[in-house]
Amino acid sequence: MDQPLHTLLSMLSAIKQGDENKLEQFVSRGDPPETLDWLTIPKRDWKLITGIQIVSISQRMTPGGGNPQQTATIEAILEKQVPILEKTSKQQSIKRWSLEKRNNQWLITGGR
């Protein structure tokens, strides 16, 4: 989790394996705590994912109470198979994750 992209790839690997416990290692829940579905990808969609294309990664330093905070945003196109009237169709959506560097590792702090 030394780079934002590595965190995202590790998150996707945990999703592919169906490993919620491992997935928890890549997120930082807020207060009140966000759900794992909101921070990553809804569990109901895990087996439907057929592809993901990274569109952009941006990193920046933001002021944070005297201590600058490193943050990043990753945007991607997510493709999943969706059964529609006895056929399978592909559906695409844009997903954006927010990450923060904490204790020298990048953690997912938001998703939409």
N, C-alpha and C. Protein backbone atom coordinates (compact mmCIF):
# COMPACT_ATOMS: atom_id res chain seq x y z
N MET A 1 0.83 -1.20 0.00
CA MET A 1 0.00 0.00 0.00
C MET A 1 0.87 1.26 0.00
N ASP A 2 2.01 1.16 -0.67
CA ASP A 2 2.94 2.27 -0.71
C ASP A 2 2.57 3.33 -1.75
N GLN A 3 1.68 3.01 -2.67
CA GLN A 3 1.19 3.93 -3.69
C GLN A 3 -0.34 3.78 -3.78
N PRO A 4 -1.04 4.85 -4.15
CA PRO A 4 -2.50 4.74 -4.27
C PRO A 4 -2.94 3.62 -5.21
N LEU A 5 -2.25 3.47 -6.36
CA LEU A 5 -2.63 2.43 -7.30
C LEU A 5 -2.44 1.03 -6.71
N HIS A 6 -1.38 0.83 -5.93
CA HIS A 6 -1.15 -0.48 -5.31
C HIS A 6 -2.27 -0.81 -4.33
N THR A 7 -2.75 0.18 -3.60
CA THR A 7 -3.86 -0.04 -2.68
C THR A 7 -5.11 -0.45 -3.44
N LEU A 8 -5.39 0.26 -4.55
CA LEU A 8 -6.56 -0.08 -5.35
C LEU A 8 -6.45 -1.48 -5.93
N LEU A 9 -5.29 -1.84 -6.46
CA LEU A 9 -5.10 -3.18 -7.02
C LEU A 9 -5.24 -4.26 -5.95
N SER A 10 -4.72 -3.99 -4.76
CA SER A 10 -4.87 -4.94 -3.65
C SER A 10 -6.33 -5.08 -3.24
N MET A 11 -7.07 -3.96 -3.26
CA MET A 11 -8.49 -3.98 -2.95
C MET A 11 -9.22 -4.86 -3.97
N LEU A 12 -8.92 -4.67 -5.25
CA LEU A 12 -9.58 -5.45 -6.30
C LEU A 12 -9.24 -6.94 -6.19
N SER A 13 -8.01 -7.25 -5.80
CA SER A 13 -7.61 -8.64 -5.60
C SER A 13 -8.41 -9.27 -4.46
N ALA A 14 -8.58 -8.54 -3.37
CA ALA A 14 -9.37 -9.05 -2.23
C ALA A 14 -10.82 -9.25 -2.64
N ILE A 15 -11.35 -8.35 -3.47
CA ILE A 15 -12.73 -8.50 -3.95
C ILE A 15 -12.84 -9.75 -4.83
N LYS A 16 -11.87 -9.94 -5.72
CA LYS A 16 -11.89 -11.12 -6.60
C LYS A 16 -11.86 -12.41 -5.79
N GLN A 17 -11.11 -12.40 -4.69
CA GLN A 17 -11.01 -13.57 -3.83
C GLN A 17 -12.21 -13.69 -2.87
N GLY A 18 -13.03 -12.63 -2.80
CA GLY A 18 -14.17 -12.64 -1.88
C GLY A 18 -13.75 -12.54 -0.43
N ASP A 19 -12.61 -11.91 -0.16
CA ASP A 19 -12.02 -11.86 1.17
C ASP A 19 -12.31 -10.52 1.86
N GLU A 20 -13.42 -10.48 2.60
CA GLU A 20 -13.81 -9.25 3.31
C GLU A 20 -12.80 -8.85 4.37
N ASN A 21 -12.22 -9.82 5.07
CA ASN A 21 -11.25 -9.51 6.12
C ASN A 21 -10.02 -8.82 5.53
N LYS A 22 -9.55 -9.30 4.41
CA LYS A 22 -8.41 -8.67 3.74
C LYS A 22 -8.79 -7.28 3.23
N LEU A 23 -10.00 -7.15 2.73
CA LEU A 23 -10.49 -5.88 2.21
C LEU A 23 -10.49 -4.80 3.30
N GLU A 24 -10.79 -5.21 4.52
CA GLU A 24 -10.80 -4.26 5.64
C GLU A 24 -9.44 -3.60 5.86
N GLN A 25 -8.35 -4.25 5.45
CA GLN A 25 -7.01 -3.71 5.63
C GLN A 25 -6.74 -2.49 4.74
N PHE A 26 -7.55 -2.30 3.70
CA PHE A 26 -7.29 -1.25 2.72
C PHE A 26 -8.18 -0.03 2.89
N VAL A 27 -9.03 -0.03 3.92
CA VAL A 27 -9.96 1.08 4.12
C VAL A 27 -9.77 1.73 5.48
N SER A 28 -10.18 2.97 5.55
CA SER A 28 -10.23 3.71 6.81
C SER A 28 -11.62 4.30 6.91
N ARG A 29 -12.38 3.81 7.86
CA ARG A 29 -13.76 4.27 8.02
C ARG A 29 -13.79 5.60 8.76
N GLY A 30 -14.72 6.45 8.37
CA GLY A 30 -14.85 7.77 8.99
C GLY A 30 -15.67 7.70 10.27
N ASP A 31 -16.12 8.84 10.69
CA ASP A 31 -16.94 8.94 11.88
C ASP A 31 -18.17 9.78 11.53
N PRO A 32 -19.35 9.22 11.39
CA PRO A 32 -19.69 7.82 11.63
C PRO A 32 -19.10 6.93 10.55
N PRO A 33 -18.87 5.66 10.88
CA PRO A 33 -18.20 4.76 9.95
C PRO A 33 -19.02 4.48 8.68
N GLU A 34 -18.34 4.57 7.53
CA GLU A 34 -18.97 4.24 6.27
C GLU A 34 -18.97 2.72 6.10
N THR A 35 -19.88 2.22 5.30
CA THR A 35 -19.93 0.79 5.06
C THR A 35 -18.83 0.39 4.09
N LEU A 36 -18.45 -0.86 4.13
CA LEU A 36 -17.45 -1.39 3.22
C LEU A 36 -17.96 -1.29 1.77
N ASP A 37 -19.26 -1.51 1.57
CA ASP A 37 -19.85 -1.37 0.23
C ASP A 37 -19.65 0.04 -0.32
N TRP A 38 -19.82 1.05 0.52
CA TRP A 38 -19.68 2.44 0.08
C TRP A 38 -18.21 2.78 -0.20
N LEU A 39 -17.31 2.27 0.61
CA LEU A 39 -15.89 2.58 0.44
C LEU A 39 -15.25 1.84 -0.73
N THR A 40 -15.76 0.69 -1.09
CA THR A 40 -15.11 -0.12 -2.13
C THR A 40 -16.09 -0.33 -3.29
N ILE A 41 -16.61 -1.53 -3.40
CA ILE A 41 -17.59 -1.89 -4.42
C ILE A 41 -18.65 -2.73 -3.70
N PRO A 42 -19.93 -2.47 -3.96
CA PRO A 42 -20.96 -3.26 -3.26
C PRO A 42 -20.75 -4.76 -3.44
N LYS A 43 -20.90 -5.49 -2.36
CA LYS A 43 -20.64 -6.94 -2.37
C LYS A 43 -21.51 -7.66 -3.39
N ARG A 44 -22.72 -7.19 -3.61
CA ARG A 44 -23.61 -7.84 -4.58
C ARG A 44 -23.04 -7.79 -6.00
N ASP A 45 -22.08 -6.88 -6.25
CA ASP A 45 -21.49 -6.72 -7.58
C ASP A 45 -20.15 -7.45 -7.75
N TRP A 46 -19.60 -8.00 -6.68
CA TRP A 46 -18.26 -8.57 -6.75
C TRP A 46 -18.11 -9.61 -7.86
N LYS A 47 -19.03 -10.52 -7.96
CA LYS A 47 -18.91 -11.60 -8.96
C LYS A 47 -19.32 -11.14 -10.36
N LEU A 48 -19.90 -9.96 -10.48
CA LEU A 48 -20.35 -9.44 -11.77
C LEU A 48 -19.28 -8.63 -12.49
N ILE A 49 -18.22 -8.23 -11.79
CA ILE A 49 -17.19 -7.37 -12.38
C ILE A 49 -16.44 -8.11 -13.48
N THR A 50 -16.41 -7.51 -14.66
CA THR A 50 -15.69 -8.10 -15.78
C THR A 50 -14.47 -7.29 -16.19
N GLY A 51 -14.38 -6.06 -15.74
CA GLY A 51 -13.22 -5.26 -16.10
C GLY A 51 -13.21 -3.93 -15.37
N ILE A 52 -12.02 -3.36 -15.30
CA ILE A 52 -11.86 -2.04 -14.71
C ILE A 52 -10.75 -1.33 -15.47
N GLN A 53 -11.00 -0.08 -15.81
CA GLN A 53 -10.00 0.72 -16.52
C GLN A 53 -9.72 1.97 -15.70
N ILE A 54 -8.47 2.13 -15.30
CA ILE A 54 -8.08 3.32 -14.54
C ILE A 54 -8.06 4.50 -15.50
N VAL A 55 -8.78 5.55 -15.15
CA VAL A 55 -8.86 6.75 -15.99
C VAL A 55 -7.87 7.80 -15.52
N SER A 56 -7.80 8.01 -14.21
CA SER A 56 -6.87 9.03 -13.69
C SER A 56 -6.50 8.74 -12.24
N ILE A 57 -5.30 9.19 -11.90
CA ILE A 57 -4.82 9.14 -10.52
C ILE A 57 -4.21 10.50 -10.24
N SER A 58 -4.67 11.16 -9.20
CA SER A 58 -4.07 12.44 -8.82
C SER A 58 -3.72 12.41 -7.34
N GLN A 59 -2.56 12.98 -7.02
CA GLN A 59 -2.10 13.07 -5.64
C GLN A 59 -1.88 14.53 -5.31
N ARG A 60 -2.09 14.88 -4.04
CA ARG A 60 -1.86 16.26 -3.60
C ARG A 60 -1.59 16.30 -2.10
N MET A 61 -1.04 17.38 -1.67
CA MET A 61 -0.83 17.65 -0.24
C MET A 61 -1.90 18.64 0.17
N THR A 62 -2.59 18.36 1.26
CA THR A 62 -3.60 19.27 1.76
C THR A 62 -3.26 19.66 3.19
N PRO A 63 -3.49 20.93 3.54
CA PRO A 63 -3.22 21.34 4.91
C PRO A 63 -4.16 20.62 5.87
N GLY A 64 -3.65 20.21 6.99
CA GLY A 64 -4.48 19.49 7.95
C GLY A 64 -4.05 19.78 9.38
N GLY A 65 -4.50 20.90 9.92
CA GLY A 65 -4.19 21.23 11.31
C GLY A 65 -2.71 21.34 11.60
N GLY A 66 -1.95 21.93 10.67
CA GLY A 66 -0.52 22.08 10.86
C GLY A 66 0.29 20.95 10.26
N ASN A 67 -0.32 19.80 10.05
CA ASN A 67 0.36 18.68 9.42
C ASN A 67 -0.23 18.45 8.04
N PRO A 68 0.56 18.70 7.00
CA PRO A 68 0.03 18.46 5.65
C PRO A 68 -0.34 16.99 5.46
N GLN A 69 -1.44 16.75 4.81
CA GLN A 69 -1.94 15.40 4.59
C GLN A 69 -1.82 15.06 3.11
N GLN A 70 -1.27 13.90 2.80
CA GLN A 70 -1.22 13.45 1.42
C GLN A 70 -2.52 12.76 1.10
N THR A 71 -3.17 13.20 0.03
CA THR A 71 -4.41 12.59 -0.42
C THR A 71 -4.29 12.24 -1.90
N ALA A 72 -5.17 11.36 -2.35
CA ALA A 72 -5.19 10.96 -3.75
C ALA A 72 -6.62 10.64 -4.15
N THR A 73 -6.85 10.75 -5.44
CA THR A 73 -8.13 10.37 -6.03
C THR A 73 -7.85 9.46 -7.22
N ILE A 74 -8.58 8.37 -7.29
CA ILE A 74 -8.47 7.46 -8.43
C ILE A 74 -9.84 7.36 -9.07
N GLU A 75 -9.90 7.59 -10.38
CA GLU A 75 -11.13 7.44 -11.12
C GLU A 75 -10.97 6.27 -12.08
N ALA A 76 -12.02 5.47 -12.19
CA ALA A 76 -11.96 4.29 -13.04
C ALA A 76 -13.33 4.02 -13.66
N ILE A 77 -13.30 3.31 -14.78
CA ILE A 77 -14.52 2.82 -15.39
C ILE A 77 -14.66 1.37 -14.97
N LEU A 78 -15.77 1.07 -14.36
CA LEU A 78 -16.05 -0.28 -13.86
C LEU A 78 -17.06 -0.93 -14.80
N GLU A 79 -16.74 -2.14 -15.25
CA GLU A 79 -17.65 -2.87 -16.13
C GLU A 79 -18.13 -4.12 -15.41
N LYS A 80 -19.44 -4.36 -15.50
CA LYS A 80 -19.98 -5.57 -14.89
C LYS A 80 -21.04 -6.18 -15.80
N GLN A 81 -21.22 -7.49 -15.66
CA GLN A 81 -22.25 -8.19 -16.40
C GLN A 81 -23.56 -8.08 -15.64
N VAL A 82 -24.61 -7.80 -16.37
CA VAL A 82 -25.92 -7.67 -15.74
C VAL A 82 -26.91 -8.53 -16.52
N PRO A 83 -27.56 -9.47 -15.85
CA PRO A 83 -28.58 -10.26 -16.54
C PRO A 83 -29.83 -9.42 -16.79
N ILE A 84 -30.25 -9.37 -18.06
CA ILE A 84 -31.45 -8.61 -18.43
C ILE A 84 -32.32 -9.50 -19.32
N LEU A 85 -33.49 -9.86 -18.84
CA LEU A 85 -34.44 -10.64 -19.62
C LEU A 85 -33.80 -11.83 -20.34
N GLU A 86 -33.23 -12.72 -19.57
CA GLU A 86 -32.62 -13.95 -20.07
C GLU A 86 -31.38 -13.73 -20.93
N LYS A 87 -30.86 -12.54 -20.98
CA LYS A 87 -29.62 -12.25 -21.70
C LYS A 87 -28.66 -11.59 -20.71
N THR A 88 -27.40 -11.59 -21.09
CA THR A 88 -26.41 -10.91 -20.26
C THR A 88 -25.93 -9.68 -21.00
N SER A 89 -25.97 -8.57 -20.33
CA SER A 89 -25.53 -7.31 -20.90
C SER A 89 -24.40 -6.76 -20.04
N LYS A 90 -23.59 -5.90 -20.62
CA LYS A 90 -22.53 -5.27 -19.85
C LYS A 90 -22.95 -3.84 -19.52
N GLN A 91 -22.64 -3.47 -18.29
CA GLN A 91 -22.99 -2.14 -17.81
C GLN A 91 -21.71 -1.47 -17.32
N GLN A 92 -21.54 -0.21 -17.68
CA GLN A 92 -20.36 0.52 -17.24
C GLN A 92 -20.78 1.68 -16.34
N SER A 93 -19.92 1.95 -15.38
CA SER A 93 -20.14 3.09 -14.49
C SER A 93 -18.78 3.68 -14.13
N ILE A 94 -18.81 4.92 -13.74
CA ILE A 94 -17.58 5.59 -13.31
C ILE A 94 -17.52 5.54 -11.80
N LYS A 95 -16.39 5.14 -11.29
CA LYS A 95 -16.20 5.00 -9.84
C LYS A 95 -15.03 5.89 -9.45
N ARG A 96 -15.16 6.57 -8.33
CA ARG A 96 -14.09 7.43 -7.82
C ARG A 96 -13.81 7.07 -6.38
N TRP A 97 -12.52 6.84 -6.10
CA TRP A 97 -12.10 6.53 -4.73
C TRP A 97 -11.22 7.65 -4.21
N SER A 98 -11.39 7.99 -2.94
CA SER A 98 -10.52 8.93 -2.24
C SER A 98 -9.62 8.13 -1.32
N LEU A 99 -8.36 8.52 -1.28
CA LEU A 99 -7.39 7.84 -0.43
C LEU A 99 -6.60 8.86 0.37
N GLU A 100 -6.11 8.43 1.53
CA GLU A 100 -5.23 9.25 2.36
C GLU A 100 -4.05 8.40 2.78
N LYS A 101 -2.90 9.07 2.89
CA LYS A 101 -1.72 8.37 3.36
C LYS A 101 -1.66 8.50 4.88
N ARG A 102 -1.70 7.36 5.55
CA ARG A 102 -1.66 7.32 7.01
C ARG A 102 -0.64 6.28 7.43
N ASN A 103 0.27 6.69 8.31
CA ASN A 103 1.32 5.77 8.79
C ASN A 103 2.05 5.09 7.63
N ASN A 104 2.39 5.89 6.63
CA ASN A 104 3.15 5.44 5.45
C ASN A 104 2.43 4.41 4.59
N GLN A 105 1.11 4.35 4.66
CA GLN A 105 0.37 3.50 3.75
C GLN A 105 -0.89 4.22 3.28
N TRP A 106 -1.26 3.94 2.06
CA TRP A 106 -2.45 4.56 1.45
C TRP A 106 -3.69 3.74 1.80
N LEU A 107 -4.72 4.41 2.31
CA LEU A 107 -5.98 3.76 2.69
C LEU A 107 -7.14 4.44 1.98
N ILE A 108 -8.12 3.66 1.61
CA ILE A 108 -9.31 4.19 0.95
C ILE A 108 -10.20 4.80 2.02
N THR A 109 -10.56 6.08 1.81
CA THR A 109 -11.36 6.80 2.79
C THR A 109 -12.73 7.19 2.24
N GLY A 110 -12.96 6.97 0.96
CA GLY A 110 -14.25 7.32 0.37
C GLY A 110 -14.38 6.72 -1.01
N GLY A 111 -15.63 6.53 -1.40
CA GLY A 111 -15.93 6.02 -2.72
C GLY A 111 -17.26 6.52 -3.19
N ARG A 112 -17.40 6.66 -4.49
CA ARG A 112 -18.71 7.02 -5.06
C ARG A 112 -18.76 6.68 -6.52
